[in-house]
């Protein structure tokens, strides 16, 4: 079961699913900080005393760079959006963090128009990941299926072509021989 802080519950979109919740390990702070991975975005949540909190979200479409370091004791995340907002979280639980970075990688790959870049270094005591998504020039205003439909030339129906051909013949634009020849070709397509 994923631990979901109450501050997060009131800020989730309808039907948004929380995949991972990584809590800061440092016990000296009064209230914890979280890195939350959902099916739509990565969320930074900093709980404060007296019910206050700070929440910053990074939708996958706008998440440009993620750096992850896992050491012997804990893990660190650095998130950067296309707009330039940056969040750094250190002293995160290293085991939960590993699952979270893999989920972020998969989500970025699924939403990126161009393939993401991943650099990994694995050492004796830890590992480091850098995930970069290239700047995208494709507009996200239409679903990709609509973009393809609008840019693909549509074939005209042979019956519609026949009607236009008959109109041209009746208007005297083409001769009877031209009409009969083109009509035969169009009828072969039906």
N, C-alpha and C. Protein backbone atom coordinates (compact mmCIF):
# COMPACT_ATOMS: atom_id res chain seq x y z
N UNK A 1 0.84 -1.18 0.00
CA UNK A 1 0.00 0.00 0.00
C UNK A 1 0.88 1.25 0.00
N UNK A 2 0.61 2.17 -0.87
CA UNK A 2 1.39 3.39 -0.99
C UNK A 2 0.88 4.41 0.04
N UNK A 3 1.82 4.97 0.81
CA UNK A 3 1.45 5.98 1.79
C UNK A 3 1.15 7.30 1.08
N UNK A 4 -0.07 7.80 1.27
CA UNK A 4 -0.48 9.05 0.62
C UNK A 4 -0.79 10.07 1.71
N UNK A 5 0.03 11.12 1.82
CA UNK A 5 -0.24 12.16 2.82
C UNK A 5 -1.59 12.83 2.54
N UNK A 6 -2.30 13.28 3.58
CA UNK A 6 -3.62 13.90 3.37
C UNK A 6 -3.56 15.14 2.48
N UNK A 7 -2.46 15.90 2.54
CA UNK A 7 -2.32 17.09 1.69
C UNK A 7 -2.32 16.72 0.21
N UNK A 8 -1.83 15.56 -0.10
CA UNK A 8 -1.78 15.12 -1.49
C UNK A 8 -3.17 14.72 -1.98
N UNK A 9 -3.91 14.03 -1.14
CA UNK A 9 -5.23 13.54 -1.55
C UNK A 9 -6.12 14.64 -2.09
N UNK A 10 -6.07 15.81 -1.49
CA UNK A 10 -6.92 16.92 -1.95
C UNK A 10 -6.39 17.58 -3.21
N UNK A 11 -5.19 17.22 -3.67
CA UNK A 11 -4.60 17.83 -4.86
C UNK A 11 -4.46 16.87 -6.04
N UNK A 12 -5.00 15.68 -5.91
CA UNK A 12 -4.94 14.72 -7.02
C UNK A 12 -6.06 15.00 -8.02
N UNK A 13 -5.80 14.73 -9.29
CA UNK A 13 -6.82 14.85 -10.33
C UNK A 13 -7.77 13.67 -10.21
N UNK A 14 -8.98 13.80 -10.75
CA UNK A 14 -9.88 12.64 -10.76
C UNK A 14 -9.23 11.47 -11.50
N UNK A 15 -9.33 10.30 -10.93
CA UNK A 15 -8.78 9.05 -11.48
C UNK A 15 -7.26 9.03 -11.57
N UNK A 16 -6.55 9.97 -10.95
CA UNK A 16 -5.08 9.93 -10.93
C UNK A 16 -4.64 8.88 -9.92
N UNK A 17 -3.71 8.02 -10.32
CA UNK A 17 -3.25 6.94 -9.46
C UNK A 17 -1.85 7.23 -8.93
N UNK A 18 -1.66 7.08 -7.63
CA UNK A 18 -0.34 7.22 -7.01
C UNK A 18 0.38 5.89 -7.16
N UNK A 19 1.56 5.93 -7.81
CA UNK A 19 2.34 4.72 -8.03
C UNK A 19 3.36 4.50 -6.92
N UNK A 20 4.06 5.57 -6.55
CA UNK A 20 5.08 5.48 -5.50
C UNK A 20 5.07 6.76 -4.67
N UNK A 21 5.41 6.58 -3.40
CA UNK A 21 5.56 7.72 -2.49
C UNK A 21 6.86 7.48 -1.73
N UNK A 22 7.83 8.37 -1.93
CA UNK A 22 9.14 8.23 -1.29
C UNK A 22 9.27 9.33 -0.25
N UNK A 23 9.52 8.93 0.98
CA UNK A 23 9.59 9.86 2.11
C UNK A 23 11.04 10.16 2.45
N UNK A 24 11.30 11.40 2.85
CA UNK A 24 12.64 11.78 3.28
C UNK A 24 12.97 11.04 4.57
N UNK A 25 14.18 10.52 4.68
CA UNK A 25 14.57 9.69 5.82
C UNK A 25 15.00 10.47 7.05
N UNK A 26 15.43 11.70 6.88
CA UNK A 26 15.99 12.47 7.98
C UNK A 26 14.95 12.68 9.08
N UNK A 27 15.23 12.23 10.28
CA UNK A 27 14.27 12.30 11.39
C UNK A 27 14.33 13.63 12.14
N UNK A 28 15.31 14.47 11.86
CA UNK A 28 15.45 15.72 12.62
C UNK A 28 14.44 16.78 12.20
N UNK A 29 13.79 16.61 11.06
CA UNK A 29 12.79 17.58 10.60
C UNK A 29 11.45 17.30 11.26
N UNK A 30 10.70 18.36 11.55
CA UNK A 30 9.40 18.21 12.19
C UNK A 30 8.40 17.49 11.28
N UNK A 31 8.36 17.88 10.02
CA UNK A 31 7.44 17.29 9.06
C UNK A 31 8.22 16.76 7.86
N UNK A 32 7.80 15.65 7.30
CA UNK A 32 8.56 15.05 6.19
C UNK A 32 8.33 15.74 4.84
N UNK A 33 9.21 15.41 3.93
CA UNK A 33 9.08 15.82 2.53
C UNK A 33 8.88 14.54 1.73
N UNK A 34 8.15 14.66 0.64
CA UNK A 34 7.83 13.49 -0.17
C UNK A 34 8.13 13.75 -1.64
N UNK A 35 8.48 12.67 -2.32
CA UNK A 35 8.50 12.64 -3.78
C UNK A 35 7.43 11.62 -4.14
N UNK A 36 6.40 12.08 -4.84
CA UNK A 36 5.27 11.22 -5.18
C UNK A 36 5.23 11.05 -6.70
N UNK A 37 5.15 9.81 -7.13
CA UNK A 37 5.09 9.49 -8.55
C UNK A 37 3.68 8.98 -8.85
N UNK A 38 2.97 9.67 -9.75
CA UNK A 38 1.64 9.23 -10.15
C UNK A 38 1.68 8.80 -11.61
N UNK A 39 0.55 8.41 -12.13
CA UNK A 39 0.50 8.02 -13.53
C UNK A 39 0.49 9.23 -14.46
N UNK A 40 0.43 10.47 -13.92
CA UNK A 40 0.40 11.67 -14.75
C UNK A 40 1.54 12.65 -14.48
N UNK A 41 2.16 12.57 -13.30
CA UNK A 41 3.15 13.58 -12.94
C UNK A 41 3.99 13.13 -11.75
N UNK A 42 5.05 13.90 -11.48
CA UNK A 42 5.86 13.73 -10.28
C UNK A 42 5.56 14.93 -9.39
N UNK A 43 5.36 14.68 -8.11
CA UNK A 43 4.96 15.74 -7.18
C UNK A 43 5.97 15.83 -6.04
N UNK A 44 6.37 17.05 -5.74
CA UNK A 44 7.18 17.33 -4.55
C UNK A 44 6.23 17.89 -3.51
N UNK A 45 6.22 17.30 -2.31
CA UNK A 45 5.36 17.76 -1.23
C UNK A 45 6.21 17.99 0.00
N UNK A 46 6.19 19.21 0.49
CA UNK A 46 6.92 19.59 1.70
C UNK A 46 5.88 19.95 2.76
N UNK A 47 5.68 19.04 3.72
CA UNK A 47 4.74 19.30 4.80
C UNK A 47 5.38 20.25 5.81
N UNK A 48 4.58 21.16 6.32
CA UNK A 48 5.06 22.11 7.31
C UNK A 48 4.14 22.03 8.53
N UNK A 49 4.49 22.70 9.60
CA UNK A 49 3.66 22.64 10.79
C UNK A 49 2.40 23.49 10.62
N UNK A 50 1.42 23.24 11.46
CA UNK A 50 0.14 23.95 11.47
C UNK A 50 -0.66 23.76 10.18
N UNK A 51 -0.53 22.59 9.54
CA UNK A 51 -1.32 22.27 8.36
C UNK A 51 -0.85 22.93 7.06
N UNK A 52 0.26 23.65 7.10
CA UNK A 52 0.76 24.30 5.89
C UNK A 52 1.58 23.29 5.08
N UNK A 53 1.69 23.55 3.80
CA UNK A 53 2.52 22.71 2.95
C UNK A 53 2.85 23.44 1.67
N UNK A 54 3.88 22.91 0.97
CA UNK A 54 4.26 23.40 -0.35
C UNK A 54 4.19 22.21 -1.30
N UNK A 55 3.51 22.40 -2.42
CA UNK A 55 3.37 21.33 -3.40
C UNK A 55 3.78 21.87 -4.76
N UNK A 56 4.69 21.17 -5.41
CA UNK A 56 5.12 21.52 -6.78
C UNK A 56 4.97 20.26 -7.62
N UNK A 57 4.29 20.39 -8.76
CA UNK A 57 4.14 19.22 -9.62
C UNK A 57 4.91 19.39 -10.92
N UNK A 58 5.31 18.27 -11.47
CA UNK A 58 6.05 18.19 -12.72
C UNK A 58 5.31 17.22 -13.64
N UNK A 59 4.37 17.70 -14.47
CA UNK A 59 3.72 16.79 -15.42
C UNK A 59 4.78 16.16 -16.33
N UNK A 60 4.60 14.91 -16.68
CA UNK A 60 5.61 14.22 -17.49
C UNK A 60 5.90 14.94 -18.80
N UNK A 61 4.87 15.56 -19.39
CA UNK A 61 5.07 16.27 -20.65
C UNK A 61 6.00 17.47 -20.49
N UNK A 62 6.10 18.02 -19.27
CA UNK A 62 6.92 19.20 -19.01
C UNK A 62 8.20 18.89 -18.23
N UNK A 63 8.37 17.64 -17.80
CA UNK A 63 9.56 17.25 -17.03
C UNK A 63 10.72 17.07 -18.00
N UNK A 64 11.76 17.89 -17.85
CA UNK A 64 12.86 17.88 -18.80
C UNK A 64 14.07 17.08 -18.33
N UNK A 65 14.36 17.11 -17.02
CA UNK A 65 15.59 16.49 -16.53
C UNK A 65 15.35 15.92 -15.14
N UNK A 66 15.87 14.71 -14.91
CA UNK A 66 15.83 14.08 -13.60
C UNK A 66 17.20 13.50 -13.32
N UNK A 67 17.72 13.83 -12.14
CA UNK A 67 18.99 13.24 -11.70
C UNK A 67 18.69 12.46 -10.43
N UNK A 68 19.24 11.27 -10.36
CA UNK A 68 19.00 10.38 -9.24
C UNK A 68 20.34 9.82 -8.78
N UNK A 69 20.61 9.93 -7.48
CA UNK A 69 21.82 9.34 -6.90
C UNK A 69 21.38 8.45 -5.74
N UNK A 70 21.86 7.22 -5.77
CA UNK A 70 21.58 6.29 -4.68
C UNK A 70 22.90 5.90 -4.04
N UNK A 71 23.01 6.14 -2.76
CA UNK A 71 24.22 5.79 -2.02
C UNK A 71 23.96 4.67 -1.05
N UNK A 72 24.90 4.50 -0.14
CA UNK A 72 24.79 3.43 0.85
C UNK A 72 23.69 3.71 1.86
N UNK A 73 23.46 5.00 2.17
CA UNK A 73 22.49 5.35 3.21
C UNK A 73 21.16 5.84 2.66
N UNK A 74 21.20 6.65 1.62
CA UNK A 74 19.96 7.23 1.10
C UNK A 74 20.08 7.57 -0.37
N UNK A 75 19.09 8.29 -0.86
CA UNK A 75 19.05 8.66 -2.27
C UNK A 75 18.72 10.14 -2.39
N UNK A 76 19.03 10.68 -3.58
CA UNK A 76 18.77 12.09 -3.86
C UNK A 76 18.13 12.21 -5.24
N UNK A 77 17.17 13.12 -5.35
CA UNK A 77 16.53 13.43 -6.62
C UNK A 77 16.70 14.91 -6.93
N UNK A 78 16.92 15.22 -8.20
CA UNK A 78 16.85 16.60 -8.69
C UNK A 78 15.91 16.56 -9.89
N UNK A 79 14.86 17.37 -9.84
CA UNK A 79 13.87 17.44 -10.92
C UNK A 79 13.91 18.83 -11.53
N UNK A 80 13.84 18.90 -12.85
CA UNK A 80 13.81 20.20 -13.52
C UNK A 80 12.78 20.16 -14.64
N UNK A 81 11.94 21.21 -14.69
CA UNK A 81 10.91 21.29 -15.72
C UNK A 81 11.41 22.09 -16.91
N UNK A 82 10.64 22.06 -18.00
CA UNK A 82 10.97 22.85 -19.19
C UNK A 82 10.95 24.34 -18.88
N UNK A 83 10.11 24.75 -17.92
CA UNK A 83 10.03 26.17 -17.55
C UNK A 83 11.18 26.60 -16.65
N UNK A 84 11.98 25.66 -16.18
CA UNK A 84 13.13 25.99 -15.36
C UNK A 84 12.94 25.81 -13.86
N UNK A 85 11.77 25.38 -13.41
CA UNK A 85 11.62 25.16 -11.97
C UNK A 85 12.38 23.89 -11.58
N UNK A 86 13.08 23.98 -10.45
CA UNK A 86 13.95 22.90 -10.00
C UNK A 86 13.66 22.57 -8.54
N UNK A 87 13.68 21.28 -8.23
CA UNK A 87 13.50 20.82 -6.86
C UNK A 87 14.59 19.79 -6.58
N UNK A 88 15.18 19.88 -5.40
CA UNK A 88 16.20 18.92 -4.97
C UNK A 88 15.74 18.28 -3.67
N UNK A 89 15.70 16.96 -3.65
CA UNK A 89 15.32 16.21 -2.46
C UNK A 89 16.45 15.26 -2.11
N UNK A 90 16.96 15.36 -0.90
CA UNK A 90 18.03 14.45 -0.48
C UNK A 90 17.57 13.64 0.73
N UNK A 91 18.35 12.65 1.07
CA UNK A 91 18.07 11.76 2.19
C UNK A 91 16.74 11.01 2.03
N UNK A 92 16.48 10.58 0.81
CA UNK A 92 15.27 9.81 0.53
C UNK A 92 15.56 8.32 0.77
N UNK A 93 14.54 7.54 1.07
CA UNK A 93 14.71 6.11 1.27
C UNK A 93 15.23 5.49 -0.03
N UNK A 94 16.39 4.82 0.03
CA UNK A 94 17.06 4.37 -1.19
C UNK A 94 16.32 3.25 -1.92
N UNK A 95 15.65 2.36 -1.20
CA UNK A 95 14.95 1.25 -1.86
C UNK A 95 13.69 1.74 -2.56
N UNK A 96 12.92 2.60 -1.90
CA UNK A 96 11.72 3.17 -2.52
C UNK A 96 12.10 4.08 -3.69
N UNK A 97 13.23 4.77 -3.55
CA UNK A 97 13.68 5.71 -4.58
C UNK A 97 14.02 4.98 -5.88
N UNK A 98 14.60 3.81 -5.78
CA UNK A 98 14.96 3.03 -6.97
C UNK A 98 13.72 2.68 -7.78
N UNK A 99 12.65 2.25 -7.10
CA UNK A 99 11.39 1.95 -7.79
C UNK A 99 10.80 3.20 -8.42
N UNK A 100 10.91 4.32 -7.72
CA UNK A 100 10.35 5.59 -8.20
C UNK A 100 11.07 6.07 -9.47
N UNK A 101 12.41 5.98 -9.51
CA UNK A 101 13.13 6.47 -10.69
C UNK A 101 12.82 5.59 -11.90
N UNK A 102 12.63 4.31 -11.69
CA UNK A 102 12.26 3.43 -12.80
C UNK A 102 10.87 3.76 -13.33
N UNK A 103 9.94 4.10 -12.44
CA UNK A 103 8.59 4.50 -12.87
C UNK A 103 8.63 5.83 -13.62
N UNK A 104 9.47 6.76 -13.16
CA UNK A 104 9.61 8.05 -13.84
C UNK A 104 10.19 7.83 -15.24
N UNK A 105 11.20 7.00 -15.34
CA UNK A 105 11.81 6.68 -16.64
C UNK A 105 10.77 6.12 -17.61
N UNK A 106 9.99 5.16 -17.15
CA UNK A 106 8.97 4.53 -18.00
C UNK A 106 7.90 5.53 -18.42
N UNK A 107 7.48 6.39 -17.50
CA UNK A 107 6.45 7.38 -17.81
C UNK A 107 6.97 8.41 -18.80
N UNK A 108 8.22 8.86 -18.64
CA UNK A 108 8.80 9.82 -19.59
C UNK A 108 8.93 9.20 -20.98
N UNK A 109 9.33 7.94 -21.04
CA UNK A 109 9.43 7.26 -22.34
C UNK A 109 8.07 7.16 -23.00
N UNK A 110 7.04 6.95 -22.21
CA UNK A 110 5.69 6.80 -22.77
C UNK A 110 5.11 8.13 -23.26
N UNK A 111 5.51 9.24 -22.66
CA UNK A 111 4.91 10.53 -23.03
C UNK A 111 5.79 11.37 -23.95
N UNK A 112 7.08 11.08 -24.02
CA UNK A 112 7.98 11.91 -24.83
C UNK A 112 7.74 11.68 -26.32
N UNK A 113 7.78 12.75 -27.08
CA UNK A 113 7.64 12.66 -28.53
C UNK A 113 8.92 12.06 -29.12
N UNK A 114 10.05 12.52 -28.64
CA UNK A 114 11.34 11.96 -29.04
C UNK A 114 11.87 11.12 -27.88
N UNK A 115 12.72 10.16 -28.18
CA UNK A 115 13.24 9.26 -27.16
C UNK A 115 14.07 10.02 -26.13
N UNK A 116 13.94 9.62 -24.86
CA UNK A 116 14.71 10.26 -23.79
C UNK A 116 16.13 9.71 -23.78
N UNK A 117 17.03 10.47 -23.12
CA UNK A 117 18.42 10.04 -22.97
C UNK A 117 18.65 9.63 -21.52
N UNK A 118 19.33 8.53 -21.33
CA UNK A 118 19.63 8.05 -19.98
C UNK A 118 21.12 7.81 -19.87
N UNK A 119 21.72 8.36 -18.81
CA UNK A 119 23.13 8.09 -18.50
C UNK A 119 23.15 7.44 -17.11
N UNK A 120 23.86 6.32 -16.99
CA UNK A 120 23.93 5.61 -15.71
C UNK A 120 25.38 5.36 -15.34
N UNK A 121 25.65 5.49 -14.05
CA UNK A 121 26.95 5.11 -13.50
C UNK A 121 26.67 4.24 -12.28
N UNK A 122 27.27 3.07 -12.25
CA UNK A 122 27.09 2.19 -11.10
C UNK A 122 28.45 1.97 -10.46
N UNK A 123 28.52 2.25 -9.16
CA UNK A 123 29.75 2.07 -8.40
C UNK A 123 29.59 0.98 -7.36
N UNK A 124 30.60 0.84 -6.52
CA UNK A 124 30.55 -0.18 -5.47
C UNK A 124 29.49 0.13 -4.43
N UNK A 125 29.32 1.41 -4.10
CA UNK A 125 28.40 1.78 -3.02
C UNK A 125 27.11 2.43 -3.49
N UNK A 126 26.95 2.62 -4.77
CA UNK A 126 25.73 3.27 -5.22
C UNK A 126 25.66 3.38 -6.72
N UNK A 127 24.70 4.17 -7.17
CA UNK A 127 24.53 4.40 -8.60
C UNK A 127 23.97 5.79 -8.83
N UNK A 128 24.11 6.25 -10.08
CA UNK A 128 23.65 7.58 -10.45
C UNK A 128 22.98 7.49 -11.83
N UNK A 129 21.82 8.13 -11.94
CA UNK A 129 21.09 8.18 -13.20
C UNK A 129 20.88 9.64 -13.58
N UNK A 130 20.99 9.93 -14.86
CA UNK A 130 20.59 11.23 -15.40
C UNK A 130 19.65 10.94 -16.57
N UNK A 131 18.43 11.44 -16.47
CA UNK A 131 17.44 11.25 -17.52
C UNK A 131 17.12 12.61 -18.11
N UNK A 132 17.30 12.74 -19.41
CA UNK A 132 17.03 14.00 -20.10
C UNK A 132 16.02 13.77 -21.20
N UNK A 133 15.07 14.68 -21.27
CA UNK A 133 14.10 14.64 -22.36
C UNK A 133 14.41 15.82 -23.27
N UNK A 134 14.56 15.59 -24.57
CA UNK A 134 14.86 16.70 -25.47
C UNK A 134 13.71 17.69 -25.53
N UNK A 135 14.04 18.95 -25.80
CA UNK A 135 13.00 19.97 -26.01
C UNK A 135 12.13 19.50 -27.16
N UNK A 136 10.83 19.60 -26.96
CA UNK A 136 9.90 19.11 -27.98
C UNK A 136 9.32 20.28 -28.75
N UNK A 137 9.32 20.13 -30.07
CA UNK A 137 8.77 21.19 -30.91
C UNK A 137 7.38 20.84 -31.42
N UNK A 138 6.93 19.63 -31.15
CA UNK A 138 5.60 19.23 -31.58
C UNK A 138 4.58 19.78 -30.60
N UNK A 139 3.54 20.41 -31.10
CA UNK A 139 2.49 20.95 -30.24
C UNK A 139 1.65 19.80 -29.71
N UNK A 140 1.23 19.93 -28.47
CA UNK A 140 0.43 18.89 -27.84
C UNK A 140 -1.06 19.24 -27.83
N UNK A 141 -1.49 20.09 -28.72
CA UNK A 141 -2.88 20.53 -28.70
C UNK A 141 -3.82 19.48 -29.24
N UNK A 142 -3.37 18.63 -30.14
CA UNK A 142 -4.20 17.58 -30.71
C UNK A 142 -3.62 16.22 -30.37
N UNK A 143 -4.47 15.23 -30.15
CA UNK A 143 -3.93 13.88 -30.01
C UNK A 143 -3.20 13.49 -31.30
N UNK A 144 -2.19 12.65 -31.18
CA UNK A 144 -1.35 12.31 -32.31
C UNK A 144 -2.16 11.70 -33.45
N UNK A 145 -3.22 10.95 -33.16
CA UNK A 145 -4.03 10.36 -34.23
C UNK A 145 -4.67 11.44 -35.08
N UNK A 146 -5.10 12.54 -34.45
CA UNK A 146 -5.70 13.63 -35.22
C UNK A 146 -4.66 14.36 -36.05
N UNK A 147 -3.44 14.49 -35.53
CA UNK A 147 -2.37 15.14 -36.30
C UNK A 147 -2.07 14.33 -37.54
N UNK A 148 -2.00 13.00 -37.40
CA UNK A 148 -1.71 12.13 -38.54
C UNK A 148 -2.85 12.19 -39.55
N UNK A 149 -4.10 12.17 -39.07
CA UNK A 149 -5.25 12.23 -39.97
C UNK A 149 -5.26 13.53 -40.77
N UNK A 150 -4.91 14.65 -40.12
CA UNK A 150 -4.95 15.94 -40.80
C UNK A 150 -3.82 16.10 -41.81
N UNK A 151 -2.69 15.44 -41.58
CA UNK A 151 -1.55 15.60 -42.48
C UNK A 151 -1.51 14.55 -43.57
N UNK A 152 -2.28 13.46 -43.43
CA UNK A 152 -2.31 12.41 -44.44
C UNK A 152 -3.31 12.80 -45.52
N UNK A 153 -2.86 12.83 -46.80
CA UNK A 153 -3.81 13.17 -47.86
C UNK A 153 -4.90 12.11 -47.94
N UNK A 154 -6.13 12.56 -48.04
CA UNK A 154 -7.27 11.66 -48.11
C UNK A 154 -7.57 11.30 -49.56
N UNK A 155 -7.80 10.01 -49.82
CA UNK A 155 -8.16 9.57 -51.17
C UNK A 155 -9.62 9.92 -51.42
N UNK A 156 -9.89 10.43 -52.61
CA UNK A 156 -11.26 10.78 -52.96
C UNK A 156 -12.00 9.53 -53.40
N UNK A 157 -13.23 9.44 -53.00
CA UNK A 157 -14.09 8.31 -53.32
C UNK A 157 -14.32 8.25 -54.85
N UNK A 158 -14.17 7.06 -55.47
CA UNK A 158 -14.38 6.95 -56.92
C UNK A 158 -15.79 7.39 -57.36
N UNK A 159 -16.79 7.16 -56.54
CA UNK A 159 -18.17 7.56 -56.88
C UNK A 159 -18.26 9.08 -56.95
N UNK A 160 -17.59 9.76 -55.99
CA UNK A 160 -17.58 11.23 -56.02
C UNK A 160 -16.87 11.73 -57.27
N UNK A 161 -15.80 11.03 -57.65
CA UNK A 161 -15.07 11.41 -58.87
C UNK A 161 -15.95 11.24 -60.10
N UNK A 162 -16.76 10.17 -60.10
CA UNK A 162 -17.68 9.94 -61.22
C UNK A 162 -18.69 11.09 -61.34
N UNK A 163 -19.20 11.53 -60.21
CA UNK A 163 -20.18 12.63 -60.23
C UNK A 163 -19.54 13.90 -60.80
N UNK A 164 -18.31 14.19 -60.37
CA UNK A 164 -17.61 15.37 -60.87
C UNK A 164 -17.31 15.25 -62.36
N UNK A 165 -16.94 14.03 -62.77
CA UNK A 165 -16.64 13.78 -64.18
C UNK A 165 -17.89 14.03 -65.04
N UNK A 166 -19.05 13.54 -64.56
CA UNK A 166 -20.30 13.74 -65.29
C UNK A 166 -20.63 15.23 -65.41
N UNK A 167 -20.39 15.98 -64.31
CA UNK A 167 -20.64 17.43 -64.34
C UNK A 167 -19.75 18.12 -65.38
N UNK A 168 -18.50 17.68 -65.46
CA UNK A 168 -17.58 18.26 -66.45
C UNK A 168 -18.05 17.96 -67.88
N UNK A 169 -18.53 16.72 -68.11
CA UNK A 169 -19.03 16.34 -69.44
C UNK A 169 -20.27 17.15 -69.81
N UNK A 170 -21.21 17.26 -68.86
CA UNK A 170 -22.46 17.99 -69.12
C UNK A 170 -22.21 19.48 -69.34
N UNK A 171 -21.15 20.01 -68.71
CA UNK A 171 -20.82 21.43 -68.89
C UNK A 171 -20.04 21.65 -70.18
N UNK A 172 -19.65 20.56 -70.86
CA UNK A 172 -18.94 20.70 -72.13
C UNK A 172 -17.45 20.91 -71.96
N UNK A 173 -16.92 20.67 -70.78
CA UNK A 173 -15.48 20.86 -70.53
C UNK A 173 -14.68 19.70 -71.13
N UNK A 174 -15.24 18.47 -71.09
CA UNK A 174 -14.55 17.32 -71.67
C UNK A 174 -15.44 16.69 -72.75
N UNK A 175 -14.81 15.99 -73.68
CA UNK A 175 -15.55 15.35 -74.79
C UNK A 175 -16.17 14.04 -74.32
N UNK A 176 -17.05 13.47 -75.19
CA UNK A 176 -17.71 12.21 -74.86
C UNK A 176 -16.68 11.09 -74.74
N UNK A 177 -15.65 11.09 -75.63
CA UNK A 177 -14.62 10.06 -75.60
C UNK A 177 -13.82 10.13 -74.28
N UNK A 178 -13.44 11.36 -73.88
CA UNK A 178 -12.70 11.54 -72.61
C UNK A 178 -13.55 11.08 -71.43
N UNK A 179 -14.83 11.43 -71.46
CA UNK A 179 -15.76 11.05 -70.39
C UNK A 179 -15.83 9.52 -70.28
N UNK A 180 -16.02 8.81 -71.41
CA UNK A 180 -16.16 7.36 -71.42
C UNK A 180 -14.87 6.68 -70.94
N UNK A 181 -13.73 7.21 -71.37
CA UNK A 181 -12.43 6.63 -70.99
C UNK A 181 -12.19 6.76 -69.48
N UNK A 182 -12.40 7.95 -68.95
CA UNK A 182 -12.19 8.17 -67.50
C UNK A 182 -13.24 7.44 -66.66
N UNK A 183 -14.47 7.37 -67.17
CA UNK A 183 -15.55 6.67 -66.49
C UNK A 183 -15.19 5.19 -66.34
N UNK A 184 -14.63 4.58 -67.39
CA UNK A 184 -14.24 3.16 -67.34
C UNK A 184 -13.16 2.93 -66.27
N UNK A 185 -12.18 3.82 -66.22
CA UNK A 185 -11.10 3.69 -65.20
C UNK A 185 -11.66 3.81 -63.79
N UNK A 186 -12.57 4.74 -63.58
CA UNK A 186 -13.16 4.91 -62.25
C UNK A 186 -14.04 3.73 -61.86
N UNK A 187 -14.77 3.19 -62.81
CA UNK A 187 -15.62 2.03 -62.53
C UNK A 187 -14.77 0.80 -62.17
N UNK A 188 -13.57 0.71 -62.74
CA UNK A 188 -12.66 -0.39 -62.40
C UNK A 188 -12.16 -0.30 -60.95
N UNK A 189 -12.14 0.91 -60.40
CA UNK A 189 -11.69 1.11 -59.01
C UNK A 189 -12.75 0.74 -57.98
N UNK A 190 -14.00 0.65 -58.42
CA UNK A 190 -15.10 0.37 -57.47
C UNK A 190 -15.19 -1.10 -57.18
